[in-house]
Amino acid sequence: MDLTLDEFARVTDIALRPPWQRKAACRGKGTDRWFPTTREAEANARAVCEPCSVRRECLVYALALPELVGVWAGTDEQERRRL
């Protein structure tokens, strides 16, 4: 099977993700939700994070990579900088 460069990059990206991400409540929900443009959208993203079983791992990951933007573990960039 021949993969295009884009397909190869996607497969590689998925393979390199931390194992805990497979258990995340956000898995399969798309990406737009995690970059909210309204307070309501932000509240909806945080609501997905609230009961997540890997929220702690997600927060540790996001704190270790300060260049990450969007909602991670129910926090935004400003909140993570304060932590």
C-alpha atoms as a PDB file:
ATOM      1  CA  MET A   1       0.000   0.000   0.000  1.00  0.00           C
ATOM      2  CA  ASP A   2       1.459   3.333  -1.029  1.00  0.00           C
ATOM      3  CA  LEU A   3       0.732   6.301   1.218  1.00  0.00           C
ATOM      4  CA  THR A   4       0.805   9.909   0.152  1.00  0.00           C
ATOM      5  CA  LEU A   5       3.019  12.220   2.178  1.00  0.00           C
ATOM      6  CA  ASP A   6      -0.052  13.661   3.946  1.00  0.00           C
ATOM      7  CA  GLU A   7      -1.370  10.200   4.814  1.00  0.00           C
ATOM      8  CA  PHE A   8       2.035   9.150   6.106  1.00  0.00           C
ATOM      9  CA  ALA A   9       2.262  12.292   8.250  1.00  0.00           C
ATOM     10  CA  ARG A  10      -1.181  11.602   9.735  1.00  0.00           C
ATOM     11  CA  VAL A  11      -0.362   7.971  10.541  1.00  0.00           C
ATOM     12  CA  THR A  12       2.950   9.026  12.076  1.00  0.00           C
ATOM     13  CA  ASP A  13       1.252  11.732  14.130  1.00  0.00           C
ATOM     14  CA  ILE A  14      -1.291   9.276  15.500  1.00  0.00           C
ATOM     15  CA  ALA A  15       1.396   6.709  16.331  1.00  0.00           C
ATOM     16  CA  LEU A  16       3.432   9.281  18.261  1.00  0.00           C
ATOM     17  CA  ARG A  17       0.567  10.500  20.447  1.00  0.00           C
ATOM     18  CA  PRO A  18       0.731   9.640  24.135  1.00  0.00           C
ATOM     19  CA  PRO A  19      -1.226   6.447  24.958  1.00  0.00           C
ATOM     20  CA  TRP A  20      -3.517   8.267  27.400  1.00  0.00           C
ATOM     21  CA  GLN A  21      -5.014  10.252  24.501  1.00  0.00           C
ATOM     22  CA  ARG A  22      -6.814   7.100  23.321  1.00  0.00           C
ATOM     23  CA  LYS A  23      -8.859   7.241  26.548  1.00  0.00           C
ATOM     24  CA  ALA A  24      -9.639  10.975  26.384  1.00  0.00           C
ATOM     25  CA  ALA A  25     -13.254  12.138  26.443  1.00  0.00           C
ATOM     26  CA  CYS A  26     -12.461  14.490  23.551  1.00  0.00           C
ATOM     27  CA  ARG A  27     -11.303  11.694  21.257  1.00  0.00           C
ATOM     28  CA  GLY A  28     -13.234  11.690  18.005  1.00  0.00           C
ATOM     29  CA  LYS A  29     -14.986  14.992  18.658  1.00  0.00           C
ATOM     30  CA  GLY A  30     -13.086  16.986  16.031  1.00  0.00           C
ATOM     31  CA  THR A  31     -10.745  19.889  16.629  1.00  0.00           C
ATOM     32  CA  ASP A  32     -12.841  23.053  16.233  1.00  0.00           C
ATOM     33  CA  ARG A  33     -14.396  22.655  19.675  1.00  0.00           C
ATOM     34  CA  TRP A  34     -10.994  23.101  21.387  1.00  0.00           C
ATOM     35  CA  PHE A  35     -10.420  26.522  19.836  1.00  0.00           C
ATOM     36  CA  PRO A  36     -13.582  28.306  21.001  1.00  0.00           C
ATOM     37  CA  THR A  37     -14.467  31.780  19.824  1.00  0.00           C
ATOM     38  CA  THR A  38     -17.325  32.448  22.261  1.00  0.00           C
ATOM     39  CA  ARG A  39     -17.806  31.941  25.987  1.00  0.00           C
ATOM     40  CA  GLU A  40     -20.571  29.429  25.280  1.00  0.00           C
ATOM     41  CA  ALA A  41     -18.296  27.399  23.011  1.00  0.00           C
ATOM     42  CA  GLU A  42     -15.562  27.529  25.653  1.00  0.00           C
ATOM     43  CA  ALA A  43     -17.988  26.288  28.309  1.00  0.00           C
ATOM     44  CA  ASN A  44     -18.987  23.415  26.013  1.00  0.00           C
ATOM     45  CA  ALA A  45     -15.341  22.396  25.540  1.00  0.00           C
ATOM     46  CA  ARG A  46     -14.668  22.561  29.269  1.00  0.00           C
ATOM     47  CA  ALA A  47     -17.776  20.450  29.926  1.00  0.00           C
ATOM     48  CA  VAL A  48     -16.251  17.618  27.877  1.00  0.00           C
ATOM     49  CA  CYS A  49     -13.028  17.870  29.896  1.00  0.00           C
ATOM     50  CA  GLU A  50     -14.668  17.949  33.321  1.00  0.00           C
ATOM     51  CA  PRO A  51     -15.443  14.209  33.721  1.00  0.00           C
ATOM     52  CA  CYS A  52     -12.550  12.976  31.574  1.00  0.00           C
ATOM     53  CA  SER A  53     -10.624  10.075  33.095  1.00  0.00           C
ATOM     54  CA  VAL A  54      -7.288  11.344  31.731  1.00  0.00           C
ATOM     55  CA  ARG A  55      -7.707  15.014  32.542  1.00  0.00           C
ATOM     56  CA  ARG A  56      -4.667  15.044  34.842  1.00  0.00           C
ATOM     57  CA  GLU A  57      -2.421  13.507  32.169  1.00  0.00           C
ATOM     58  CA  CYS A  58      -3.756  16.018  29.656  1.00  0.00           C
ATOM     59  CA  LEU A  59      -2.957  18.927  31.958  1.00  0.00           C
ATOM     60  CA  VAL A  60       0.572  17.661  32.614  1.00  0.00           C
ATOM     61  CA  TYR A  61       1.060  17.323  28.848  1.00  0.00           C
ATOM     62  CA  ALA A  62      -0.247  20.837  28.178  1.00  0.00           C
ATOM     63  CA  LEU A  63       1.884  22.380  30.926  1.00  0.00           C
ATOM     64  CA  ALA A  64       4.982  20.675  29.505  1.00  0.00           C
ATOM     65  CA  LEU A  65       4.286  22.174  26.066  1.00  0.00           C
ATOM     66  CA  PRO A  66       3.551  25.874  26.639  1.00  0.00           C
ATOM     67  CA  GLU A  67       3.247  26.469  22.890  1.00  0.00           C
ATOM     68  CA  LEU A  68      -0.051  24.543  22.842  1.00  0.00           C
ATOM     69  CA  VAL A  69      -3.107  26.694  22.257  1.00  0.00           C
ATOM     70  CA  GLY A  70      -6.760  26.038  22.845  1.00  0.00           C
ATOM     71  CA  VAL A  71      -8.504  24.145  25.617  1.00  0.00           C
ATOM     72  CA  TRP A  72      -6.530  21.306  27.203  1.00  0.00           C
ATOM     73  CA  ALA A  73      -7.752  19.579  30.376  1.00  0.00           C
ATOM     74  CA  GLY A  74     -10.422  22.230  30.728  1.00  0.00           C
ATOM     75  CA  THR A  75      -7.888  25.082  30.821  1.00  0.00           C
ATOM     76  CA  ASP A  76      -6.998  27.788  28.347  1.00  0.00           C
ATOM     77  CA  GLU A  77      -3.536  29.219  27.615  1.00  0.00           C
ATOM     78  CA  GLN A  78      -3.822  31.991  30.221  1.00  0.00           C
ATOM     79  CA  GLU A  79      -4.829  29.592  32.960  1.00  0.00           C
ATOM     80  CA  ARG A  80      -1.973  27.254  32.107  1.00  0.00           C
ATOM     81  CA  ARG A  81       0.538  30.122  32.199  1.00  0.00           C
ATOM     82  CA  ARG A  82      -0.672  31.000  35.710  1.00  0.00           C
ATOM     83  CA  LEU A  83      -0.223  27.382  36.816  1.00  0.00           C
END
